[in-house]
C-alpha atoms as a PDB file:
ATOM      1  CA  MET A   1     100.890 117.100-121.306  1.00  0.00           C
ATOM      2  CA  GLN A   2     104.515 116.410-120.506  1.00  0.00           C
ATOM      3  CA  TYR A   3     106.883 119.142-119.320  1.00  0.00           C
ATOM      4  CA  ARG A   4     110.625 119.459-119.764  1.00  0.00           C
ATOM      5  CA  THR A   5     113.323 121.923-118.715  1.00  0.00           C
ATOM      6  CA  LEU A   6     114.254 124.328-121.506  1.00  0.00           C
ATOM      7  CA  GLY A   7     117.964 123.648-121.851  1.00  0.00           C
ATOM      8  CA  ARG A   8     119.699 124.733-118.669  1.00  0.00           C
ATOM      9  CA  THR A   9     117.437 127.717-117.997  1.00  0.00           C
ATOM     10  CA  GLY A  10     115.307 126.045-115.328  1.00  0.00           C
ATOM     11  CA  VAL A  11     112.167 127.124-117.212  1.00  0.00           C
ATOM     12  CA  GLN A  12     109.579 124.348-117.489  1.00  0.00           C
ATOM     13  CA  VAL A  13     107.927 124.108-120.892  1.00  0.00           C
ATOM     14  CA  SER A  14     105.320 121.826-122.441  1.00  0.00           C
ATOM     15  CA  SER A  15     106.424 119.063-124.816  1.00  0.00           C
ATOM     16  CA  LEU A  16     104.112 120.561-127.437  1.00  0.00           C
ATOM     17  CA  ALA A  17     104.452 124.286-128.164  1.00  0.00           C
ATOM     18  CA  LEU A  18     102.035 126.461-130.116  1.00  0.00           C
ATOM     19  CA  GLY A  19     103.511 127.970-133.263  1.00  0.00           C
ATOM     20  CA  ALA A  20     101.603 131.009-134.531  1.00  0.00           C
ATOM     21  CA  MET A  21     102.817 131.197-138.131  1.00  0.00           C
ATOM     22  CA  ASN A  22      99.281 130.524-139.398  1.00  0.00           C
ATOM     23  CA  PHE A  23      97.801 133.453-137.487  1.00  0.00           C
ATOM     24  CA  GLY A  24      96.855 136.182-139.948  1.00  0.00           C
ATOM     25  CA  ALA A  25      97.161 136.312-143.721  1.00  0.00           C
ATOM     26  CA  ILE A  26      99.346 133.199-144.109  1.00  0.00           C
ATOM     27  CA  GLY A  27      96.732 130.895-142.598  1.00  0.00           C
ATOM     28  CA  ARG A  28      93.767 133.147-143.347  1.00  0.00           C
ATOM     29  CA  THR A  29      93.047 133.110-139.612  1.00  0.00           C
ATOM     30  CA  THR A  30      90.911 135.793-137.949  1.00  0.00           C
ATOM     31  CA  GLN A  31      91.544 137.228-134.497  1.00  0.00           C
ATOM     32  CA  GLU A  32      88.556 135.320-133.140  1.00  0.00           C
ATOM     33  CA  GLU A  33      89.944 132.052-134.502  1.00  0.00           C
ATOM     34  CA  ALA A  34      93.450 132.775-133.233  1.00  0.00           C
ATOM     35  CA  THR A  35      92.153 133.563-129.752  1.00  0.00           C
ATOM     36  CA  ALA A  36      90.109 130.348-129.704  1.00  0.00           C
ATOM     37  CA  ILE A  37      93.194 128.345-130.685  1.00  0.00           C
ATOM     38  CA  VAL A  38      95.259 129.993-127.943  1.00  0.00           C
ATOM     39  CA  ASP A  39      92.486 129.393-125.391  1.00  0.00           C
ATOM     40  CA  ALA A  40      92.261 125.701-126.279  1.00  0.00           C
ATOM     41  CA  ALA A  41      96.043 125.288-126.358  1.00  0.00           C
ATOM     42  CA  LEU A  42      96.445 126.734-122.870  1.00  0.00           C
ATOM     43  CA  GLU A  43      93.561 124.632-121.592  1.00  0.00           C
ATOM     44  CA  GLY A  44      95.301 121.584-123.072  1.00  0.00           C
ATOM     45  CA  GLY A  45      98.464 122.295-121.080  1.00  0.00           C
ATOM     46  CA  ILE A  46     100.592 124.129-123.646  1.00  0.00           C
ATOM     47  CA  ASN A  47     102.534 126.967-122.049  1.00  0.00           C
ATOM     48  CA  VAL A  48     104.810 128.059-124.936  1.00  0.00           C
ATOM     49  CA  ILE A  49     103.671 130.313-127.787  1.00  0.00           C
ATOM     50  CA  ASP A  50     106.136 130.979-130.589  1.00  0.00           C
ATOM     51  CA  THR A  51     105.742 133.620-133.291  1.00  0.00           C
ATOM     52  CA  ALA A  52     107.955 135.885-135.433  1.00  0.00           C
ATOM     53  CA  ASP A  53     107.967 139.438-136.705  1.00  0.00           C
ATOM     54  CA  MET A  54     107.725 138.386-140.354  1.00  0.00           C
ATOM     55  CA  TYR A  55     104.717 136.090-139.988  1.00  0.00           C
ATOM     56  CA  SER A  56     102.098 137.922-142.062  1.00  0.00           C
ATOM     57  CA  ASP A  57     104.172 141.120-141.707  1.00  0.00           C
ATOM     58  CA  GLY A  58     103.599 141.428-137.980  1.00  0.00           C
ATOM     59  CA  GLN A  59      99.979 140.315-137.980  1.00  0.00           C
ATOM     60  CA  SER A  60     100.763 137.118-136.097  1.00  0.00           C
ATOM     61  CA  GLU A  61     102.444 139.015-133.264  1.00  0.00           C
ATOM     62  CA  GLU A  62      99.480 141.382-133.030  1.00  0.00           C
ATOM     63  CA  MET A  63      97.026 138.466-132.862  1.00  0.00           C
ATOM     64  CA  VAL A  64      99.093 136.623-130.268  1.00  0.00           C
ATOM     65  CA  GLY A  65      99.308 139.784-128.173  1.00  0.00           C
ATOM     66  CA  LYS A  66      95.549 140.224-128.143  1.00  0.00           C
ATOM     67  CA  ALA A  67      94.969 136.528-127.455  1.00  0.00           C
ATOM     68  CA  VAL A  68      97.267 136.411-124.405  1.00  0.00           C
ATOM     69  CA  ALA A  69      96.229 139.764-122.907  1.00  0.00           C
ATOM     70  CA  GLY A  70      95.599 139.423-119.187  1.00  0.00           C
ATOM     71  CA  ARG A  71      97.466 136.119-118.814  1.00  0.00           C
ATOM     72  CA  ARG A  72     100.876 136.948-120.172  1.00  0.00           C
ATOM     73  CA  ASP A  73     102.705 135.776-117.023  1.00  0.00           C
ATOM     74  CA  ASP A  74     101.395 132.228-117.480  1.00  0.00           C
ATOM     75  CA  ILE A  75     103.008 131.897-120.920  1.00  0.00           C
ATOM     76  CA  VAL A  76     106.554 131.416-122.152  1.00  0.00           C
ATOM     77  CA  LEU A  77     106.359 133.902-125.027  1.00  0.00           C
ATOM     78  CA  ALA A  78     108.828 133.615-127.910  1.00  0.00           C
ATOM     79  CA  THR A  79     109.349 135.596-131.095  1.00  0.00           C
ATOM     80  CA  LYS A  80     112.027 136.020-133.750  1.00  0.00           C
ATOM     81  CA  ALA A  81     113.750 138.571-135.975  1.00  0.00           C
ATOM     82  CA  THR A  82     116.247 138.638-138.872  1.00  0.00           C
ATOM     83  CA  MET A  83     114.071 137.863-141.893  1.00  0.00           C
ATOM     84  CA  PRO A  84     113.234 140.826-144.190  1.00  0.00           C
ATOM     85  CA  MET A  85     110.513 143.196-143.024  1.00  0.00           C
ATOM     86  CA  GLY A  86     109.840 145.152-146.218  1.00  0.00           C
ATOM     87  CA  ASP A  87     112.134 146.277-149.005  1.00  0.00           C
ATOM     88  CA  GLU A  88     114.429 148.579-147.033  1.00  0.00           C
ATOM     89  CA  ARG A  89     117.847 146.923-147.082  1.00  0.00           C
ATOM     90  CA  ASN A  90     118.561 147.467-143.382  1.00  0.00           C
ATOM     91  CA  HIS A  91     115.169 146.223-142.183  1.00  0.00           C
ATOM     92  CA  ARG A  92     116.521 142.693-141.859  1.00  0.00           C
ATOM     93  CA  GLY A  93     119.516 140.785-140.573  1.00  0.00           C
ATOM     94  CA  SER A  94     121.144 140.481-137.170  1.00  0.00           C
ATOM     95  CA  SER A  95     122.900 143.811-136.750  1.00  0.00           C
ATOM     96  CA  ARG A  96     122.597 145.784-133.516  1.00  0.00           C
ATOM     97  CA  ARG A  97     120.916 148.577-135.478  1.00  0.00           C
ATOM     98  CA  TRP A  98     118.094 146.328-136.659  1.00  0.00           C
ATOM     99  CA  LEU A  99     117.614 144.071-133.627  1.00  0.00           C
ATOM    100  CA  VAL A 100     117.281 146.975-131.182  1.00  0.00           C
ATOM    101  CA  THR A 101     114.729 148.658-133.452  1.00  0.00           C
ATOM    102  CA  GLU A 102     112.783 145.540-134.388  1.00  0.00           C
ATOM    103  CA  LEU A 103     112.491 144.181-130.853  1.00  0.00           C
ATOM    104  CA  ASP A 104     110.718 147.380-129.847  1.00  0.00           C
ATOM    105  CA  SER A 105     108.361 146.901-132.792  1.00  0.00           C
ATOM    106  CA  SER A 106     107.682 143.297-131.749  1.00  0.00           C
ATOM    107  CA  LEU A 107     106.999 144.325-128.154  1.00  0.00           C
ATOM    108  CA  ARG A 108     104.574 146.985-129.397  1.00  0.00           C
ATOM    109  CA  ARG A 109     102.735 144.506-131.634  1.00  0.00           C
ATOM    110  CA  LEU A 110     102.596 141.927-128.845  1.00  0.00           C
ATOM    111  CA  GLY A 111     101.500 144.506-126.273  1.00  0.00           C
ATOM    112  CA  VAL A 112     104.110 143.382-123.706  1.00  0.00           C
ATOM    113  CA  ASP A 113     107.209 144.870-122.096  1.00  0.00           C
ATOM    114  CA  HIS A 114     109.386 141.793-122.614  1.00  0.00           C
ATOM    115  CA  VAL A 115     109.539 138.421-124.343  1.00  0.00           C
ATOM    116  CA  ASP A 116     110.845 135.297-122.689  1.00  0.00           C
ATOM    117  CA  LEU A 117     112.748 134.045-125.726  1.00  0.00           C
ATOM    118  CA  TYR A 118     114.066 136.164-128.614  1.00  0.00           C
ATOM    119  CA  GLN A 119     115.393 134.116-131.510  1.00  0.00           C
ATOM    120  CA  ILE A 120     117.593 134.903-134.501  1.00  0.00           C
ATOM    121  CA  HIS A 121     115.413 133.472-137.270  1.00  0.00           C
ATOM    122  CA  ARG A 122     118.289 132.482-139.564  1.00  0.00           C
ATOM    123  CA  TRP A 123     122.050 132.787-139.443  1.00  0.00           C
ATOM    124  CA  ASP A 124     123.096 136.099-141.009  1.00  0.00           C
ATOM    125  CA  PRO A 125     126.471 135.602-142.751  1.00  0.00           C
ATOM    126  CA  THR A 126     126.953 139.381-143.127  1.00  0.00           C
ATOM    127  CA  THR A 127     126.975 140.033-139.371  1.00  0.00           C
ATOM    128  CA  SER A 128     129.577 138.888-136.856  1.00  0.00           C
ATOM    129  CA  ASP A 129     128.606 136.771-133.872  1.00  0.00           C
ATOM    130  CA  GLU A 130     130.072 139.405-131.555  1.00  0.00           C
ATOM    131  CA  GLU A 131     127.846 142.128-133.067  1.00  0.00           C
ATOM    132  CA  THR A 132     124.680 140.063-132.667  1.00  0.00           C
ATOM    133  CA  LEU A 133     125.453 138.588-129.263  1.00  0.00           C
ATOM    134  CA  SER A 134     126.490 141.980-127.889  1.00  0.00           C
ATOM    135  CA  ALA A 135     123.181 143.515-128.955  1.00  0.00           C
ATOM    136  CA  LEU A 136     121.187 140.587-127.543  1.00  0.00           C
ATOM    137  CA  THR A 137     123.114 140.707-124.260  1.00  0.00           C
ATOM    138  CA  ASP A 138     122.345 144.412-123.888  1.00  0.00           C
ATOM    139  CA  LEU A 139     118.663 143.825-124.635  1.00  0.00           C
ATOM    140  CA  GLN A 140     118.656 141.075-122.024  1.00  0.00           C
ATOM    141  CA  ARG A 141     120.275 143.346-119.431  1.00  0.00           C
ATOM    142  CA  ALA A 142     117.688 146.019-120.255  1.00  0.00           C
ATOM    143  CA  GLY A 143     114.959 143.516-119.284  1.00  0.00           C
ATOM    144  CA  LYS A 144     113.377 143.388-122.732  1.00  0.00           C
ATOM    145  CA  ILE A 145     114.229 139.720-123.261  1.00  0.00           C
ATOM    146  CA  ARG A 146     114.815 136.983-120.719  1.00  0.00           C
ATOM    147  CA  TYR A 147     116.740 134.554-122.960  1.00  0.00           C
ATOM    148  CA  PHE A 148     117.777 134.377-126.582  1.00  0.00           C
ATOM    149  CA  GLY A 149     118.270 131.582-129.072  1.00  0.00           C
ATOM    150  CA  SER A 150     118.903 130.676-132.689  1.00  0.00           C
ATOM    151  CA  SER A 151     116.719 129.116-135.359  1.00  0.00           C
ATOM    152  CA  THR A 152     117.797 126.790-138.171  1.00  0.00           C
ATOM    153  CA  PHE A 153     121.503 127.414-137.628  1.00  0.00           C
ATOM    154  CA  PRO A 154     124.003 124.959-139.136  1.00  0.00           C
ATOM    155  CA  ALA A 155     125.828 122.980-136.462  1.00  0.00           C
ATOM    156  CA  HIS A 156     129.142 124.738-137.038  1.00  0.00           C
ATOM    157  CA  ARG A 157     127.487 128.131-136.551  1.00  0.00           C
ATOM    158  CA  ILE A 158     125.962 126.982-133.261  1.00  0.00           C
ATOM    159  CA  VAL A 159     129.441 126.014-132.083  1.00  0.00           C
ATOM    160  CA  GLN A 160     130.968 129.266-133.359  1.00  0.00           C
ATOM    161  CA  ALA A 161     128.365 131.348-131.540  1.00  0.00           C
ATOM    162  CA  GLN A 162     128.996 129.492-128.284  1.00  0.00           C
ATOM    163  CA  TRP A 163     132.733 130.141-128.668  1.00  0.00           C
ATOM    164  CA  ALA A 164     132.162 133.829-129.471  1.00  0.00           C
ATOM    165  CA  ALA A 165     129.993 134.290-126.378  1.00  0.00           C
ATOM    166  CA  ARG A 166     132.690 132.840-124.176  1.00  0.00           C
ATOM    167  CA  GLU A 167     135.516 134.701-125.939  1.00  0.00           C
ATOM    168  CA  HIS A 168     133.817 138.103-125.623  1.00  0.00           C
ATOM    169  CA  ARG A 169     132.156 137.430-122.247  1.00  0.00           C
ATOM    170  CA  LEU A 170     128.644 137.814-123.594  1.00  0.00           C
ATOM    171  CA  SER A 171     125.429 135.931-122.894  1.00  0.00           C
ATOM    172  CA  ARG A 172     124.921 132.908-125.148  1.00  0.00           C
ATOM    173  CA  TYR A 173     122.190 131.302-127.163  1.00  0.00           C
ATOM    174  CA  VAL A 174     120.311 128.918-124.881  1.00  0.00           C
ATOM    175  CA  THR A 175     117.988 127.391-127.494  1.00  0.00           C
ATOM    176  CA  GLU A 176     117.965 126.269-131.113  1.00  0.00           C
ATOM    177  CA  GLN A 177     114.858 125.889-133.289  1.00  0.00           C
ATOM    178  CA  PRO A 178     115.563 123.407-136.124  1.00  0.00           C
ATOM    179  CA  SER A 179     113.314 121.645-138.621  1.00  0.00           C
ATOM    180  CA  TYR A 180     112.827 118.015-137.546  1.00  0.00           C
ATOM    181  CA  SER A 181     110.457 115.221-138.484  1.00  0.00           C
ATOM    182  CA  ILE A 182     110.447 111.550-139.417  1.00  0.00           C
ATOM    183  CA  LEU A 183     110.994 112.590-143.049  1.00  0.00           C
ATOM    184  CA  GLN A 184     113.726 115.150-142.300  1.00  0.00           C
ATOM    185  CA  ARG A 185     116.173 113.560-139.845  1.00  0.00           C
ATOM    186  CA  GLY A 186     119.405 115.233-140.914  1.00  0.00           C
ATOM    187  CA  ILE A 187     119.820 117.195-137.689  1.00  0.00           C
ATOM    188  CA  GLU A 188     120.353 113.909-135.837  1.00  0.00           C
ATOM    189  CA  ALA A 189     123.741 113.688-137.538  1.00  0.00           C
ATOM    190  CA  HIS A 190     125.047 117.157-136.719  1.00  0.00           C
ATOM    191  CA  VAL A 191     122.775 119.676-134.958  1.00  0.00           C
ATOM    192  CA  LEU A 192     121.350 117.587-132.113  1.00  0.00           C
ATOM    193  CA  PRO A 193     124.748 116.253-130.959  1.00  0.00           C
ATOM    194  CA  VAL A 194     125.919 119.874-130.717  1.00  0.00           C
ATOM    195  CA  THR A 195     122.829 121.161-128.899  1.00  0.00           C
ATOM    196  CA  GLU A 196     123.113 118.303-126.416  1.00  0.00           C
ATOM    197  CA  GLU A 197     126.821 119.034-125.889  1.00  0.00           C
ATOM    198  CA  TYR A 198     126.107 122.699-125.077  1.00  0.00           C
ATOM    199  CA  GLY A 199     122.905 122.093-123.138  1.00  0.00           C
ATOM    200  CA  LEU A 200     120.628 123.997-125.508  1.00  0.00           C
ATOM    201  CA  GLY A 201     116.873 123.619-125.423  1.00  0.00           C
ATOM    202  CA  VAL A 202     115.468 122.487-128.785  1.00  0.00           C
ATOM    203  CA  LEU A 203     112.095 123.612-130.163  1.00  0.00           C
ATOM    204  CA  ALA A 204     111.555 121.505-133.286  1.00  0.00           C
ATOM    205  CA  TRP A 205     109.512 123.076-136.076  1.00  0.00           C
ATOM    206  CA  SER A 206     107.580 121.287-138.825  1.00  0.00           C
ATOM    207  CA  PRO A 207     107.259 117.975-136.942  1.00  0.00           C
ATOM    208  CA  LEU A 208     104.421 117.054-139.334  1.00  0.00           C
ATOM    209  CA  ALA A 209     106.700 117.755-142.328  1.00  0.00           C
ATOM    210  CA  SER A 210     104.506 120.499-143.813  1.00  0.00           C
ATOM    211  CA  GLY A 211     101.485 118.211-143.685  1.00  0.00           C
ATOM    212  CA  TRP A 212     103.049 115.092-145.176  1.00  0.00           C
ATOM    213  CA  LEU A 213     102.603 113.360-141.801  1.00  0.00           C
ATOM    214  CA  SER A 214      99.178 114.783-140.949  1.00  0.00           C
ATOM    215  CA  GLY A 215      97.296 111.793-142.360  1.00  0.00           C
ATOM    216  CA  ALA A 216      95.862 113.926-145.169  1.00  0.00           C
ATOM    217  CA  VAL A 217      98.532 112.910-147.697  1.00  0.00           C
ATOM    218  CA  ARG A 218      98.109 109.362-148.953  1.00  0.00           C
ATOM    219  CA  GLU A 219      98.566 107.365-152.165  1.00  0.00           C
ATOM    220  CA  GLY A 220      95.731 107.863-154.660  1.00  0.00           C
ATOM    221  CA  ARG A 221      94.284 110.807-152.760  1.00  0.00           C
ATOM    222  CA  GLU A 222      94.304 114.371-154.056  1.00  0.00           C
ATOM    223  CA  ILE A 223      96.599 116.544-151.948  1.00  0.00           C
ATOM    224  CA  THR A 224      94.500 119.479-150.793  1.00  0.00           C
ATOM    225  CA  THR A 225      96.368 120.734-147.733  1.00  0.00           C
ATOM    226  CA  SER A 226      96.880 124.483-147.317  1.00  0.00           C
ATOM    227  CA  ARG A 227     100.648 124.034-147.520  1.00  0.00           C
ATOM    228  CA  ALA A 228     100.294 122.162-150.832  1.00  0.00           C
ATOM    229  CA  ALA A 229      98.309 125.092-152.201  1.00  0.00           C
ATOM    230  CA  LEU A 230     100.999 127.509-151.011  1.00  0.00           C
ATOM    231  CA  LEU A 231     104.010 125.445-152.148  1.00  0.00           C
ATOM    232  CA  PRO A 232     102.799 123.055-154.866  1.00  0.00           C
ATOM    233  CA  GLN A 233     106.301 122.095-155.976  1.00  0.00           C
ATOM    234  CA  ARG A 234     106.875 120.428-152.611  1.00  0.00           C
ATOM    235  CA  PHE A 235     104.003 118.038-153.286  1.00  0.00           C
ATOM    236  CA  ASP A 236     104.556 117.391-157.007  1.00  0.00           C
ATOM    237  CA  LEU A 237     104.800 113.592-157.208  1.00  0.00           C
ATOM    238  CA  SER A 238     106.836 113.767-160.407  1.00  0.00           C
ATOM    239  CA  VAL A 239     109.705 115.011-158.234  1.00  0.00           C
ATOM    240  CA  PRO A 240     111.736 112.013-156.969  1.00  0.00           C
ATOM    241  CA  SER A 241     112.095 113.328-153.397  1.00  0.00           C
ATOM    242  CA  ASN A 242     108.343 113.831-153.139  1.00  0.00           C
ATOM    243  CA  ARG A 243     107.723 110.343-154.465  1.00  0.00           C
ATOM    244  CA  ALA A 244     110.133 109.013-151.833  1.00  0.00           C
ATOM    245  CA  ARG A 245     108.247 110.882-149.133  1.00  0.00           C
ATOM    246  CA  LEU A 246     104.909 109.466-150.221  1.00  0.00           C
ATOM    247  CA  ASP A 247     106.339 105.950-150.303  1.00  0.00           C
ATOM    248  CA  ALA A 248     107.653 106.457-146.762  1.00  0.00           C
ATOM    249  CA  VAL A 249     104.294 107.861-145.620  1.00  0.00           C
ATOM    250  CA  GLU A 250     102.474 104.758-146.873  1.00  0.00           C
ATOM    251  CA  ARG A 251     104.823 102.495-144.910  1.00  0.00           C
ATOM    252  CA  LEU A 252     104.592 104.724-141.835  1.00  0.00           C
ATOM    253  CA  ALA A 253     100.798 104.580-142.008  1.00  0.00           C
ATOM    254  CA  GLU A 254     101.026 100.799-141.669  1.00  0.00           C
ATOM    255  CA  VAL A 255     103.236 101.206-138.589  1.00  0.00           C
ATOM    256  CA  ALA A 256     100.777 103.684-137.061  1.00  0.00           C
ATOM    257  CA  ASP A 257      97.797 101.416-137.762  1.00  0.00           C
ATOM    258  CA  GLY A 258      99.587  98.456-136.227  1.00  0.00           C
ATOM    259  CA  ALA A 259     100.338 100.450-133.076  1.00  0.00           C
ATOM    260  CA  GLY A 260      96.810 101.858-132.820  1.00  0.00           C
ATOM    261  CA  LEU A 261      98.014 105.406-133.421  1.00  0.00           C
ATOM    262  CA  THR A 262      97.091 108.213-135.759  1.00  0.00           C
ATOM    263  CA  MET A 263      99.752 109.515-138.120  1.00  0.00           C
ATOM    264  CA  ILE A 264      99.883 112.709-136.076  1.00  0.00           C
ATOM    265  CA  GLN A 265     100.517 110.759-132.867  1.00  0.00           C
ATOM    266  CA  LEU A 266     103.247 108.779-134.603  1.00  0.00           C
ATOM    267  CA  ALA A 267     104.887 111.922-135.997  1.00  0.00           C
ATOM    268  CA  LEU A 268     104.766 114.023-132.833  1.00  0.00           C
ATOM    269  CA  GLY A 269     105.613 111.076-130.595  1.00  0.00           C
ATOM    270  CA  PHE A 270     108.703 110.443-132.708  1.00  0.00           C
ATOM    271  CA  VAL A 271     109.985 114.022-132.420  1.00  0.00           C
ATOM    272  CA  THR A 272     109.388 114.347-128.680  1.00  0.00           C
ATOM    273  CA  ALA A 273     110.984 110.942-128.049  1.00  0.00           C
ATOM    274  CA  HIS A 274     114.459 112.219-128.931  1.00  0.00           C
ATOM    275  CA  PRO A 275     116.350 113.144-125.729  1.00  0.00           C
ATOM    276  CA  GLY A 276     117.786 116.208-127.449  1.00  0.00           C
ATOM    277  CA  VAL A 277     114.354 117.689-128.226  1.00  0.00           C
ATOM    278  CA  THR A 278     112.548 119.806-125.636  1.00  0.00           C
ATOM    279  CA  SER A 279     109.308 120.617-127.475  1.00  0.00           C
ATOM    280  CA  ALA A 280     107.652 120.031-130.840  1.00  0.00           C
ATOM    281  CA  LEU A 281     106.129 123.146-132.369  1.00  0.00           C
ATOM    282  CA  ILE A 282     102.666 122.585-133.762  1.00  0.00           C
ATOM    283  CA  GLY A 283     101.128 125.181-136.086  1.00  0.00           C
ATOM    284  CA  PRO A 284      97.381 124.532-136.281  1.00  0.00           C
ATOM    285  CA  ARG A 285      95.321 126.650-138.662  1.00  0.00           C
ATOM    286  CA  THR A 286      91.986 125.621-137.137  1.00  0.00           C
ATOM    287  CA  LEU A 287      90.637 124.408-133.804  1.00  0.00           C
ATOM    288  CA  ASP A 288      90.102 120.951-135.309  1.00  0.00           C
ATOM    289  CA  HIS A 289      93.757 120.805-136.288  1.00  0.00           C
ATOM    290  CA  LEU A 290      94.747 121.766-132.754  1.00  0.00           C
ATOM    291  CA  HIS A 291      92.575 119.120-131.103  1.00  0.00           C
ATOM    292  CA  THR A 292      93.970 116.324-133.301  1.00  0.00           C
ATOM    293  CA  GLN A 293      97.499 117.445-132.430  1.00  0.00           C
ATOM    294  CA  LEU A 294      96.815 117.840-128.704  1.00  0.00           C
ATOM    295  CA  ALA A 295      95.697 114.207-128.747  1.00  0.00           C
ATOM    296  CA  ALA A 296      99.379 113.343-129.223  1.00  0.00           C
ATOM    297  CA  ALA A 297     100.519 115.235-126.122  1.00  0.00           C
ATOM    298  CA  ASP A 298     101.040 112.122-123.989  1.00  0.00           C
ATOM    299  CA  THR A 299     102.066 109.747-126.778  1.00  0.00           C
ATOM    300  CA  VAL A 300     105.110 107.661-125.879  1.00  0.00           C
ATOM    301  CA  LEU A 301     106.311 105.426-128.698  1.00  0.00           C
ATOM    302  CA  PRO A 302     107.608 101.986-127.674  1.00  0.00           C
ATOM    303  CA  ALA A 303     110.998 100.767-128.879  1.00  0.00           C
ATOM    304  CA  ASP A 304     109.555  98.467-131.539  1.00  0.00           C
ATOM    305  CA  VAL A 305     107.671 101.358-133.172  1.00  0.00           C
ATOM    306  CA  LEU A 306     110.765 103.560-133.126  1.00  0.00           C
ATOM    307  CA  ASP A 307     112.747 100.685-134.655  1.00  0.00           C
ATOM    308  CA  ALA A 308     110.128 100.340-137.404  1.00  0.00           C
ATOM    309  CA  ILE A 309     110.425 104.053-138.163  1.00  0.00           C
ATOM    310  CA  ASP A 310     114.224 103.721-138.381  1.00  0.00           C
ATOM    311  CA  ALA A 311     113.802 100.931-140.918  1.00  0.00           C
ATOM    312  CA  ILE A 312     111.700 103.211-143.150  1.00  0.00           C
ATOM    313  CA  VAL A 313     113.684 106.450-142.811  1.00  0.00           C
ATOM    314  CA  PRO A 314     117.190 105.781-141.444  1.00  0.00           C
ATOM    315  CA  PRO A 315     118.586 107.998-138.678  1.00  0.00           C
ATOM    316  CA  GLY A 316     120.255 111.166-139.917  1.00  0.00           C
ATOM    317  CA  VAL A 317     118.613 111.057-143.367  1.00  0.00           C
ATOM    318  CA  ASP A 318     116.685 113.902-145.027  1.00  0.00           C
ATOM    319  CA  LEU A 319     114.305 112.683-147.710  1.00  0.00           C
ATOM    320  CA  ALA A 320     114.164 116.204-149.155  1.00  0.00           C
ATOM    321  CA  PRO A 321     117.594 117.703-148.429  1.00  0.00           C
ATOM    322  CA  HIS A 322     117.044 120.560-150.904  1.00  0.00           C
ATOM    323  CA  GLU A 323     114.370 121.951-148.581  1.00  0.00           C
ATOM    324  CA  LYS A 324     116.765 122.464-145.707  1.00  0.00           C
ATOM    325  CA  PHE A 325     117.334 126.045-144.609  1.00  0.00           C
ATOM    326  CA  ASP A 326     120.740 125.580-142.976  1.00  0.00           C
ATOM    327  CA  THR A 327     122.758 124.895-146.135  1.00  0.00           C
ATOM    328  CA  PRO A 328     126.196 126.600-146.085  1.00  0.00           C
ATOM    329  CA  PRO A 329     126.167 129.603-148.487  1.00  0.00           C
ATOM    330  CA  ALA A 330     129.058 128.186-150.521  1.00  0.00           C
ATOM    331  CA  LEU A 331     126.877 125.282-151.622  1.00  0.00           C
ATOM    332  CA  LEU A 332     124.294 127.691-153.031  1.00  0.00           C
ATOM    333  CA  ASP A 333     126.557 130.347-154.591  1.00  0.00           C
ATOM    334  CA  ALA A 334     129.222 129.036-156.980  1.00  0.00           C
ATOM    335  CA  SER A 335     131.297 132.221-156.640  1.00  0.00           C
ATOM    336  CA  LEU A 336     131.979 131.362-153.003  1.00  0.00           C
ATOM    337  CA  ARG A 337     133.654 128.107-154.057  1.00  0.00           C
ATOM    338  CA  ARG A 338     136.092 129.728-156.490  1.00  0.00           C
ATOM    339  CA  ARG A 339     139.057 132.012-156.101  1.00  0.00           C
END
């Protein structure tokens, strides 16, 4: 396992981090299975576990808490808030009212008195940066969080939040968690230059592109991954962007074979090769999944392999741009583009 410094915090983290989204109802994972995955991940050198309040309505946090009991100090523990937790209109977002309440709920579910990294799961356009950063700074001073970060923020919002922290003399986001893979490279054009400029740590999610790069998706083979069952439209080959992804996967498989690598090693090695990326978040649903992903922990791709990847999916290009979660609201709501 390789280790890097998380932004400018001085905290050393593994180049692969364990994402716990599949713990609980989403991944149909039991507590016994979740604990076994955590055990194997820690044994393999992973020291970061990332979850969120909304993963299986809090179930993931509860499972993580039980799995890390007795060894919490050896783990960089991260969770998130902002996404809806039920139908109540104020049980979501990035207001002080909600963050203060929901962090306490997360700490209770996790069975800890603090988290190392508390992340705003998505940019909340209804809440000012000052409101959110002020609440997070107070929670940090209270000892309930050590650091805080953002997740899937557009580049301009990352910049705005850094400016607001300085303007109002508040603590700042020290990490960003964007989606990044060989098939979704858009952040290379805007987010990663900004995170590098401000010295943010980057925890990249979906480095296997929702299973497209796992080796299980190939031409002429029925797509039976759990993500395909959950989101079939993202794997419908009658959709041009999905067809483009499959074509790219076939060419990438040839590159991997020629380099003596698995598709997973190629995919994870690509993400962790970028100097702006600190860790790649893996989200195994089973122990077998974890072991195949841990096998990529020390993968270092040579320049010729990285060049071959660039020739298949050019730098800065998203093959499925409609699946991005950082689209400015005005592009989604016509009323915001008209007087």
